[in-house]
Protein backbone atom coordinates (compact mmCIF):
# COMPACT_ATOMS: atom_id res chain seq x y z
CA MET A 1 75.43 98.34 116.68
CA LYS A 2 75.78 97.27 113.08
CA PHE A 3 74.87 99.50 110.16
CA LYS A 4 73.32 98.36 106.89
CA VAL A 5 73.33 99.89 103.40
CA LEU A 6 73.30 96.74 101.22
CA GLY A 7 69.54 96.81 100.93
CA SER A 8 67.31 99.12 102.96
CA VAL A 9 69.24 101.47 105.22
CA GLY A 10 69.11 100.78 108.92
CA VAL A 11 70.68 99.55 112.12
CA GLU A 12 71.05 96.08 113.58
CA SER A 13 70.81 96.19 117.35
CA GLY A 14 69.84 93.53 119.86
CA GLY A 15 69.79 90.94 117.07
CA ARG A 16 67.09 92.83 115.12
CA PHE A 17 67.12 95.09 112.08
CA HIS A 18 65.65 98.55 112.64
CA GLY A 19 64.73 100.82 109.75
CA ILE A 20 65.10 104.57 110.06
CA SER A 21 61.86 106.51 109.85
CA GLY A 22 61.74 109.71 107.82
CA SER A 23 63.26 109.92 104.36
CA ARG A 24 65.61 112.81 105.19
CA GLN A 25 66.86 111.26 108.41
CA ARG A 26 67.45 108.00 106.50
CA THR A 27 69.26 109.86 103.71
CA LEU A 28 71.40 111.68 106.26
CA LEU A 29 72.45 108.39 107.86
CA ALA A 30 73.16 106.81 104.46
CA SER A 31 75.26 109.79 103.34
CA LEU A 32 77.37 109.59 106.48
CA LEU A 33 77.79 105.81 106.25
CA VAL A 34 78.90 105.66 102.61
CA SER A 35 81.45 108.41 103.25
CA THR A 36 83.45 105.87 105.32
CA GLY A 37 84.50 108.11 108.17
CA ARG A 38 85.19 111.22 106.09
CA PRO A 39 83.42 114.43 107.11
CA VAL A 40 80.54 115.27 104.77
CA PRO A 41 80.27 119.03 104.18
CA ALA A 42 76.98 120.62 105.15
CA SER A 43 76.61 121.97 101.61
CA GLN A 44 76.74 118.42 100.24
CA LEU A 45 74.15 117.25 102.76
CA TYR A 46 71.86 120.10 101.74
CA THR A 47 71.84 118.71 98.20
CA GLU A 48 71.43 115.11 99.35
CA LEU A 49 68.47 115.90 101.58
CA TRP A 50 66.70 118.69 99.65
CA GLY A 51 68.00 118.56 96.07
CA GLU A 52 68.65 121.73 94.10
CA ASN A 53 66.09 123.84 95.98
CA PRO A 54 66.81 123.71 99.73
CA PRO A 55 64.55 125.77 102.01
CA PRO A 56 65.70 129.20 103.25
CA THR A 57 66.17 127.70 106.72
CA VAL A 58 68.29 124.83 105.41
CA GLU A 59 71.12 125.29 107.94
CA ASN A 60 68.75 125.05 110.92
CA SER A 61 66.83 122.22 109.23
CA LEU A 62 70.00 120.15 108.79
CA GLN A 63 70.99 120.73 112.41
CA ALA A 64 67.54 119.54 113.46
CA HIS A 65 67.90 116.34 111.41
CA VAL A 66 71.36 115.73 112.89
CA TYR A 67 69.88 116.11 116.38
CA ARG A 68 67.04 113.70 115.54
CA LEU A 69 69.47 111.14 114.12
CA ARG A 70 71.63 111.29 117.26
CA ARG A 71 68.49 110.75 119.34
CA THR A 72 67.38 107.86 117.10
CA LEU A 73 70.74 106.11 117.39
CA HIS A 74 70.72 106.49 121.18
CA GLY A 75 67.22 105.04 121.24
CA LEU A 76 68.34 102.00 119.22
CA ALA A 77 71.33 101.20 121.43
CA ASP A 78 70.77 97.81 123.07
CA GLY A 79 72.38 98.67 126.39
CA THR A 80 75.58 96.70 125.79
CA SER A 81 77.38 99.52 123.95
CA GLU A 82 77.08 103.22 123.21
CA PRO A 83 75.99 104.36 119.75
CA PRO A 84 78.76 105.84 117.60
CA PRO A 85 79.22 109.59 117.98
CA LEU A 86 77.84 111.82 115.24
CA ILE A 87 80.45 114.56 115.31
CA THR A 88 80.08 118.14 114.08
CA ARG A 89 83.31 119.57 112.64
CA ALA A 90 84.21 122.72 110.77
CA SER A 91 84.64 120.54 107.67
CA GLY A 92 81.25 118.85 108.05
CA TYR A 93 79.59 115.96 109.85
CA VAL A 94 81.04 112.50 110.45
CA LEU A 95 79.58 109.34 111.99
CA ASP A 96 82.47 107.71 113.83
CA ILE A 97 81.79 103.98 113.45
CA ARG A 98 84.20 101.07 113.43
CA PRO A 99 84.80 99.89 109.82
CA GLU A 100 83.70 96.34 110.70
CA ASP A 101 80.31 97.62 111.87
CA LEU A 102 79.20 98.53 108.31
CA ASP A 103 78.00 95.74 106.01
CA LEU A 104 79.56 97.46 102.98
CA ASN A 105 83.03 97.21 104.55
CA ALA A 106 82.42 93.57 105.49
CA PHE A 107 81.43 92.84 101.89
CA ARG A 108 84.63 94.39 100.55
CA GLU A 109 86.73 92.59 103.16
CA HIS A 110 85.30 89.21 102.11
CA THR A 111 85.88 89.93 98.41
CA ALA A 112 89.47 91.09 99.02
CA ARG A 113 90.17 87.93 101.02
CA ALA A 114 88.66 85.81 98.24
CA ARG A 115 90.78 87.42 95.53
CA ALA A 116 93.92 86.83 97.57
CA ALA A 117 93.01 83.16 98.07
CA ALA A 118 91.76 82.41 94.54
CA PRO A 119 95.08 81.53 92.83
CA HIS A 120 95.99 78.80 95.33
CA HIS A 121 92.81 78.04 97.30
CA PRO A 122 89.84 78.49 94.94
CA HIS A 123 87.42 76.61 97.18
CA VAL A 124 88.24 78.97 100.06
CA ALA A 125 87.79 81.92 97.69
CA TYR A 126 84.42 80.58 96.53
CA ALA A 127 83.20 80.33 100.14
CA SER A 128 84.39 83.87 100.90
CA LEU A 129 82.54 85.24 97.88
CA GLU A 130 79.37 83.47 98.98
CA GLU A 131 79.72 85.09 102.41
CA ALA A 132 80.16 88.47 100.75
CA LEU A 133 77.09 88.09 98.55
CA ASN A 134 74.98 86.80 101.45
CA LEU A 135 75.35 90.22 103.10
CA TRP A 136 73.12 91.75 100.43
CA ARG A 137 69.42 92.11 101.29
CA GLY A 138 68.34 93.83 98.07
CA SER A 139 69.39 96.81 95.97
CA PRO A 140 71.85 99.05 97.87
CA LEU A 141 70.41 102.16 99.52
CA GLN A 142 67.06 101.12 98.12
CA ASP A 143 64.97 103.38 100.36
CA VAL A 144 67.13 106.51 100.11
CA ALA A 145 66.51 109.57 97.96
CA ALA A 146 68.76 109.66 94.91
CA GLY A 147 71.03 112.59 95.75
CA PRO A 148 74.35 112.87 93.85
CA LEU A 149 76.41 111.14 96.56
CA CYS A 150 74.04 108.26 97.26
CA GLN A 151 73.23 107.81 93.58
CA SER A 152 76.90 107.52 92.58
CA VAL A 153 77.59 105.08 95.43
CA THR A 154 74.55 103.01 94.44
CA LEU A 155 75.79 102.67 90.86
CA GLN A 156 79.26 101.72 92.09
CA LEU A 157 77.91 99.13 94.50
CA GLU A 158 75.64 97.55 91.88
CA GLU A 159 78.70 97.05 89.66
CA GLU A 160 80.71 95.64 92.58
CA TYR A 161 77.91 93.18 93.30
CA LEU A 162 77.73 91.93 89.71
CA SER A 163 81.51 91.64 89.41
CA THR A 164 81.65 89.67 92.66
CA LEU A 165 78.81 87.42 91.50
CA GLU A 166 80.64 86.78 88.22
CA GLU A 167 83.81 85.88 90.13
CA LYS A 168 81.88 83.45 92.32
CA LEU A 169 80.21 81.77 89.34
CA SER A 170 83.52 81.50 87.51
CA LEU A 171 85.09 79.78 90.52
CA GLY A 172 82.01 77.59 90.83
CA ILE A 173 82.50 76.26 87.31
CA ASP A 174 86.07 75.26 88.13
CA CYS A 175 85.59 74.10 91.73
CA ASP A 176 82.35 72.15 91.51
CA ASP A 177 80.13 70.28 89.14
CA PRO A 178 79.17 72.94 86.55
CA VAL A 179 75.54 71.80 86.80
CA ARG A 180 75.41 73.61 90.14
CA VAL A 181 75.85 77.06 88.59
CA ILE A 182 74.04 76.72 85.26
CA GLY A 183 70.69 77.78 86.72
CA GLU A 184 72.16 80.89 88.34
CA LEU A 185 74.10 81.76 85.19
CA LYS A 186 70.90 81.56 83.15
CA ARG A 187 69.12 83.81 85.64
CA VAL A 188 71.88 86.41 85.61
CA SER A 189 72.11 86.26 81.82
CA THR A 190 68.38 86.96 81.56
CA VAL A 191 68.50 89.92 83.96
CA HIS A 192 71.76 91.34 82.57
CA PRO A 193 71.86 90.27 78.89
CA TRP A 194 74.65 92.68 77.95
CA ARG A 195 77.21 91.24 80.35
CA GLU A 196 79.04 89.04 77.88
CA ARG A 197 81.25 87.47 80.53
CA VAL A 198 78.14 85.78 81.94
CA THR A 199 77.34 84.32 78.51
CA GLU A 200 80.93 83.07 78.21
CA MET A 201 80.66 81.31 81.56
CA LEU A 202 77.25 79.87 80.73
CA MET A 203 78.63 78.42 77.48
CA LEU A 204 81.57 76.89 79.33
CA ALA A 205 79.39 75.37 82.04
CA LEU A 206 76.98 73.90 79.48
CA TYR A 207 79.83 72.52 77.40
CA ARG A 208 81.45 70.83 80.40
CA CYS A 209 78.11 69.16 81.14
CA GLY A 210 78.05 67.67 77.66
CA ARG A 211 75.50 70.20 76.38
CA GLN A 212 77.41 71.61 73.43
CA ALA A 213 74.29 72.41 71.41
CA GLU A 214 72.83 74.46 74.28
CA ALA A 215 76.13 76.34 74.61
CA ILE A 216 76.00 77.25 70.91
CA GLU A 217 72.35 78.25 71.26
CA ALA A 218 73.24 80.56 74.17
CA TYR A 219 75.80 82.32 71.99
CA ASN A 220 73.42 82.64 69.03
CA ARG A 221 70.70 84.05 71.25
CA VAL A 222 72.94 86.76 72.67
CA ARG A 223 74.45 87.57 69.28
CA SER A 224 71.01 88.00 67.72
CA ARG A 225 69.97 90.32 70.51
CA LEU A 226 73.15 92.40 70.23
CA VAL A 227 72.74 92.77 66.48
CA ASP A 228 68.99 93.43 66.54
CA GLU A 229 68.84 95.81 69.53
CA LEU A 230 72.26 97.49 69.57
CA GLY A 231 73.50 96.99 66.01
CA MET A 232 76.79 95.49 67.17
CA GLU A 233 78.58 92.16 67.08
CA PRO A 234 79.74 90.24 70.18
CA SER A 235 83.15 91.01 71.63
CA GLN A 236 86.23 89.17 70.36
CA GLN A 237 86.40 87.32 73.67
CA LEU A 238 82.86 85.98 73.33
CA GLU A 239 83.43 85.03 69.69
CA GLN A 240 86.59 83.17 70.75
CA ARG A 241 84.60 81.21 73.32
CA PHE A 242 82.07 80.33 70.60
CA ARG A 243 84.83 79.01 68.32
CA GLU A 244 86.30 76.98 71.18
CA VAL A 245 82.93 75.37 71.92
CA LEU A 246 82.25 74.76 68.24
CA ASN A 247 85.65 73.07 67.76
CA GLN A 248 85.59 71.26 71.12
CA ALA A 249 88.87 72.88 72.13
CA PRO A 250 90.93 70.94 74.71
CA SER A 251 91.35 74.20 76.66
CA LEU A 252 87.69 73.95 77.73
CA ARG A 253 88.24 70.77 79.71
CA LEU A 254 88.04 70.98 83.48
CA THR A 255 91.38 70.97 85.23
CA PRO A 256 91.09 69.63 88.81
CA VAL A 257 91.93 72.23 91.43
CA ALA A 258 93.37 71.72 94.90
CA ARG A 259 91.16 72.31 97.89
């Protein structure tokens, strides 16, 4: 069985994705999965499942949801392997899965491998980052109630996704024809206009394609938005990129990289 949190929460079994019915049962599974093998105290699960006003019978209610989740996981087993044990301990509850059976861990493994390869094998790193990003099926934990644990993990994962995407696009500019990534850079810049690193990369990609005027326009557009909506100037790093493009700095030229 494979477990999924990079999108809707569920289980892959028998080659198919299975969602978990019931918002509290789904939140229970998500809370256990994102805790990466650490016991989750019952008191924390009360808050995740019921918020600040749990019912008077919350202890029995949680035990009932744990029982239902165990039964659900057994029902989803495809016959080739047993579902992971959901263990009750004095310190809380833990779902004892293998790290490689959670898509979040696979994502982080691919990104770590890419970062190790990037200095000497950028094309290998680019491919690993693409594999990592292909594991995402939407917003993380997208069908789970926003308890403190799941909410904090969601925010962390969204930042990890964007940072990984930026790394991939940066490698793409250096490893391939920059034309390949301009469209994606424009899309990301539109969705996340305050991420100045994306604007820097877009300017570089446009410049290397002989589109200096568009690179300058991209800077001016972001600067105007920063000034008008936030009352602040671009970062020194983005201003430096603008000066380099304006002056056609030799440092912007593409340096061939080894495969």
